[in-house]
C-alpha atoms as a PDB file:
ATOM      1  CA  MET A   1      20.107   6.744  14.570  1.00  0.00           C
ATOM      2  CA  TYR A   2      22.323   7.120  11.309  1.00  0.00           C
ATOM      3  CA  LYS A   3      23.676  10.261  10.033  1.00  0.00           C
ATOM      4  CA  ASN A   4      24.466   9.455   6.456  1.00  0.00           C
ATOM      5  CA  ILE A   5      22.172   6.881   4.796  1.00  0.00           C
ATOM      6  CA  LEU A   6      22.385   5.366   1.441  1.00  0.00           C
ATOM      7  CA  VAL A   7      19.398   3.866  -0.215  1.00  0.00           C
ATOM      8  CA  ALA A   8      20.096   1.498  -3.132  1.00  0.00           C
ATOM      9  CA  ILE A   9      17.369   1.843  -5.687  1.00  0.00           C
ATOM     10  CA  ALA A  10      17.096  -0.761  -8.560  1.00  0.00           C
ATOM     11  CA  LEU A  11      14.838   0.919 -11.034  1.00  0.00           C
ATOM     12  CA  ASP A  12      14.602  -2.133 -13.260  1.00  0.00           C
ATOM     13  CA  HIS A  13      13.760  -4.556 -10.344  1.00  0.00           C
ATOM     14  CA  SER A  14      11.942  -2.687  -7.591  1.00  0.00           C
ATOM     15  CA  PRO A  15       9.962   0.259  -9.144  1.00  0.00           C
ATOM     16  CA  ASP A  16       8.420   1.444  -5.825  1.00  0.00           C
ATOM     17  CA  SER A  17      11.128   3.127  -3.653  1.00  0.00           C
ATOM     18  CA  ASN A  18       8.659   4.523  -1.066  1.00  0.00           C
ATOM     19  CA  LYS A  19       9.262   1.628   1.356  1.00  0.00           C
ATOM     20  CA  ALA A  20      13.011   1.961   1.397  1.00  0.00           C
ATOM     21  CA  ILE A  21      12.879   6.040   1.710  1.00  0.00           C
ATOM     22  CA  GLU A  22      10.290   5.425   4.681  1.00  0.00           C
ATOM     23  CA  VAL A  23      12.618   3.210   6.465  1.00  0.00           C
ATOM     24  CA  ALA A  24      15.529   5.566   5.879  1.00  0.00           C
ATOM     25  CA  ARG A  25      13.676   8.307   7.361  1.00  0.00           C
ATOM     26  CA  CYS A  26      12.697   6.181  10.396  1.00  0.00           C
ATOM     27  CA  LEU A  27      16.381   5.272  10.916  1.00  0.00           C
ATOM     28  CA  ALA A  28      17.672   8.948  10.234  1.00  0.00           C
ATOM     29  CA  ALA A  29      18.895  11.228  13.016  1.00  0.00           C
ATOM     30  CA  GLU A  30      17.472  14.643  13.068  1.00  0.00           C
ATOM     31  CA  ASP A  31      20.063  16.317  10.574  1.00  0.00           C
ATOM     32  CA  ALA A  32      20.867  13.111   8.571  1.00  0.00           C
ATOM     33  CA  THR A  33      21.565  13.005   4.817  1.00  0.00           C
ATOM     34  CA  ILE A  34      19.584  10.336   2.707  1.00  0.00           C
ATOM     35  CA  THR A  35      20.966   9.439  -0.736  1.00  0.00           C
ATOM     36  CA  ALA A  36      19.195   7.411  -3.282  1.00  0.00           C
ATOM     37  CA  LEU A  37      21.702   5.608  -5.378  1.00  0.00           C
ATOM     38  CA  HIS A  38      20.851   3.670  -8.697  1.00  0.00           C
ATOM     39  CA  VAL A  39      23.567   1.926 -10.506  1.00  0.00           C
ATOM     40  CA  VAL A  40      23.592   1.615 -14.179  1.00  0.00           C
ATOM     41  CA  GLU A  41      25.328  -1.645 -15.050  1.00  0.00           C
ATOM     42  CA  ALA A  42      28.395  -1.446 -16.963  1.00  0.00           C
ATOM     43  CA  ILE A  43      28.264  -2.905 -20.323  1.00  0.00           C
ATOM     44  CA  PRO A  44      31.284  -5.253 -21.319  1.00  0.00           C
ATOM     45  CA  ALA A  45      33.603  -3.637 -24.073  1.00  0.00           C
ATOM     46  CA  TYR A  46      32.897  -6.482 -26.362  1.00  0.00           C
ATOM     47  CA  VAL A  47      29.154  -5.896 -26.313  1.00  0.00           C
ATOM     48  CA  ALA A  48      29.680  -2.015 -26.214  1.00  0.00           C
ATOM     49  CA  ASN A  49      31.281  -2.271 -29.524  1.00  0.00           C
ATOM     50  CA  GLU A  50      28.135  -3.535 -31.061  1.00  0.00           C
ATOM     51  CA  ILE A  51      25.803  -0.949 -29.595  1.00  0.00           C
ATOM     52  CA  PRO A  52      25.316   2.529 -31.295  1.00  0.00           C
ATOM     53  CA  ASP A  53      27.069   5.249 -29.350  1.00  0.00           C
ATOM     54  CA  GLU A  54      23.807   7.323 -28.880  1.00  0.00           C
ATOM     55  CA  ILE A  55      22.304   4.527 -26.952  1.00  0.00           C
ATOM     56  CA  LEU A  56      25.198   4.295 -24.645  1.00  0.00           C
ATOM     57  CA  THR A  57      25.434   7.979 -24.124  1.00  0.00           C
ATOM     58  CA  LYS A  58      21.747   8.219 -23.062  1.00  0.00           C
ATOM     59  CA  ARG A  59      21.796   5.280 -20.451  1.00  0.00           C
ATOM     60  CA  ARG A  60      23.073   7.542 -17.708  1.00  0.00           C
ATOM     61  CA  PRO A  61      20.869  10.793 -18.239  1.00  0.00           C
ATOM     62  CA  GLU A  62      17.769   8.595 -18.783  1.00  0.00           C
ATOM     63  CA  ALA A  63      18.532   6.894 -15.392  1.00  0.00           C
ATOM     64  CA  GLU A  64      19.082  10.124 -13.670  1.00  0.00           C
ATOM     65  CA  THR A  65      15.710  11.391 -14.984  1.00  0.00           C
ATOM     66  CA  GLU A  66      13.955   8.174 -14.087  1.00  0.00           C
ATOM     67  CA  LEU A  67      15.496   8.044 -10.466  1.00  0.00           C
ATOM     68  CA  LYS A  68      14.376  11.915  -9.783  1.00  0.00           C
ATOM     69  CA  ALA A  69      10.884  10.759 -11.311  1.00  0.00           C
ATOM     70  CA  GLU A  70      10.656   7.718  -8.984  1.00  0.00           C
ATOM     71  CA  LEU A  71      11.614  10.076  -5.917  1.00  0.00           C
ATOM     72  CA  GLY A  72       8.813  12.233  -6.764  1.00  0.00           C
ATOM     73  CA  GLY A  73      10.403  15.455  -6.094  1.00  0.00           C
ATOM     74  CA  LEU A  74      11.557  14.669  -2.742  1.00  0.00           C
ATOM     75  CA  THR A  75      13.677  17.485  -1.421  1.00  0.00           C
ATOM     76  CA  ASP A  76      15.344  15.550   1.570  1.00  0.00           C
ATOM     77  CA  VAL A  77      16.772  12.697  -0.684  1.00  0.00           C
ATOM     78  CA  ARG A  78      19.727  13.431  -2.803  1.00  0.00           C
ATOM     79  CA  PRO A  79      19.506  11.064  -6.183  1.00  0.00           C
ATOM     80  CA  VAL A  80      22.696   9.859  -7.499  1.00  0.00           C
ATOM     81  CA  VAL A  81      23.560   7.568 -10.514  1.00  0.00           C
ATOM     82  CA  GLU A  82      26.827   5.801 -10.688  1.00  0.00           C
ATOM     83  CA  THR A  83      28.013   3.190 -13.419  1.00  0.00           C
ATOM     84  CA  GLY A  84      29.470  -0.263 -12.471  1.00  0.00           C
ATOM     85  CA  HIS A  85      28.740  -3.586 -11.005  1.00  0.00           C
ATOM     86  CA  ALA A  86      25.778  -3.005  -8.713  1.00  0.00           C
ATOM     87  CA  GLY A  87      26.990  -4.667  -5.417  1.00  0.00           C
ATOM     88  CA  ARG A  88      30.567  -3.514  -5.829  1.00  0.00           C
ATOM     89  CA  THR A  89      29.492   0.055  -6.734  1.00  0.00           C
ATOM     90  CA  ILE A  90      27.116   0.400  -3.875  1.00  0.00           C
ATOM     91  CA  VAL A  91      29.719  -0.614  -1.354  1.00  0.00           C
ATOM     92  CA  ASP A  92      32.363   1.523  -2.990  1.00  0.00           C
ATOM     93  CA  TYR A  93      30.172   4.546  -3.048  1.00  0.00           C
ATOM     94  CA  ALA A  94      28.927   3.883   0.549  1.00  0.00           C
ATOM     95  CA  ARG A  95      32.709   3.989   1.566  1.00  0.00           C
ATOM     96  CA  ARG A  96      33.568   6.964  -0.432  1.00  0.00           C
ATOM     97  CA  SER A  97      30.749   9.009   0.961  1.00  0.00           C
ATOM     98  CA  GLY A  98      31.006   8.048   4.432  1.00  0.00           C
ATOM     99  CA  ALA A  99      27.728   6.294   4.708  1.00  0.00           C
ATOM    100  CA  ASP A 100      26.926   4.751   8.102  1.00  0.00           C
ATOM    101  CA  CYS A 101      23.901   2.659   6.794  1.00  0.00           C
ATOM    102  CA  ILE A 102      22.882   1.239   3.520  1.00  0.00           C
ATOM    103  CA  ILE A 103      19.234   0.282   2.788  1.00  0.00           C
ATOM    104  CA  ILE A 104      18.679  -2.135   0.093  1.00  0.00           C
ATOM    105  CA  SER A 105      15.765  -4.282  -1.164  1.00  0.00           C
ATOM    106  CA  SER A 106      16.155  -7.972  -2.116  1.00  0.00           C
ATOM    107  CA  HIS A 107      14.109  -9.857  -4.584  1.00  0.00           C
ATOM    108  CA  ARG A 108      12.632 -13.195  -4.183  1.00  0.00           C
ATOM    109  CA  PRO A 109      15.732 -15.358  -4.399  1.00  0.00           C
ATOM    110  CA  GLY A 110      16.355 -18.443  -6.749  1.00  0.00           C
ATOM    111  CA  LEU A 111      18.175 -21.574  -5.466  1.00  0.00           C
ATOM    112  CA  GLN A 112      21.618 -19.886  -6.293  1.00  0.00           C
ATOM    113  CA  ASP A 113      21.050 -17.073  -3.854  1.00  0.00           C
ATOM    114  CA  TYR A 114      18.437 -18.736  -1.484  1.00  0.00           C
ATOM    115  CA  PHE A 115      18.265 -16.412   1.526  1.00  0.00           C
ATOM    116  CA  ILE A 116      18.682 -12.941  -0.216  1.00  0.00           C
ATOM    117  CA  GLY A 117      19.201 -11.601  -3.691  1.00  0.00           C
ATOM    118  CA  SER A 118      22.949 -11.688  -5.030  1.00  0.00           C
ATOM    119  CA  THR A 119      23.278  -7.790  -5.096  1.00  0.00           C
ATOM    120  CA  ALA A 120      21.963  -7.609  -1.502  1.00  0.00           C
ATOM    121  CA  GLN A 121      24.211 -10.517  -0.427  1.00  0.00           C
ATOM    122  CA  ARG A 122      27.285  -8.788  -1.875  1.00  0.00           C
ATOM    123  CA  VAL A 123      26.474  -5.607  -0.019  1.00  0.00           C
ATOM    124  CA  VAL A 124      25.797  -7.296   3.110  1.00  0.00           C
ATOM    125  CA  ARG A 125      29.053  -9.333   2.968  1.00  0.00           C
ATOM    126  CA  HIS A 126      31.313  -6.294   1.945  1.00  0.00           C
ATOM    127  CA  ALA A 127      29.870  -3.248   3.331  1.00  0.00           C
ATOM    128  CA  HIS A 128      31.925  -1.442   6.107  1.00  0.00           C
ATOM    129  CA  CYS A 129      28.639  -0.232   7.704  1.00  0.00           C
ATOM    130  CA  ALA A 130      25.247  -1.299   8.806  1.00  0.00           C
ATOM    131  CA  VAL A 131      22.987  -2.872   6.197  1.00  0.00           C
ATOM    132  CA  HIS A 132      19.262  -3.135   6.347  1.00  0.00           C
ATOM    133  CA  VAL A 133      17.868  -5.629   3.794  1.00  0.00           C
ATOM    134  CA  LEU A 134      14.146  -5.145   2.835  1.00  0.00           C
ATOM    135  CA  ARG A 135      11.736  -7.716   1.284  1.00  0.00           C
END
C-alpha cells in the first residue's frame, strides 16, 4: 500500500479520470494522500510572443477550474496544476512531493512509441518510485 500517490491527469487526452482515481484508492494505505496533477504544457518563447497576454495568463486558472470539475468535488483528492513539459514535470513533482507511486494513463500508441505513450514512457523510465500505467 502506498502513502503518497500522484495521479497524472491529461485533461486534453483522457477526459475521464475516474478509473485512475479508483486505482489510486485501491492502492492507497488507510491514511494516504492522493494528488491529481495536470500539466499545462509550456509554450516556447518564440510562439508566446505571438499570443495575446490575456490568453497566456488564463491558461493555468482555466486548467485549475477544469481539473476541479473533472474531479467532481472529491474531497480526498488534492488538485494541482503545474506548467512545463508533461513527462519531466510529472517526474519532478513526484520527487519534490515525496510520491511513492505515480498512476498515469497511456493513449493508444503510434509506431514511434509502440508499447506505451511518450509521456507515460518518460515517466516510467525516469521516476524514482513505482509507476502504474493504465490503458
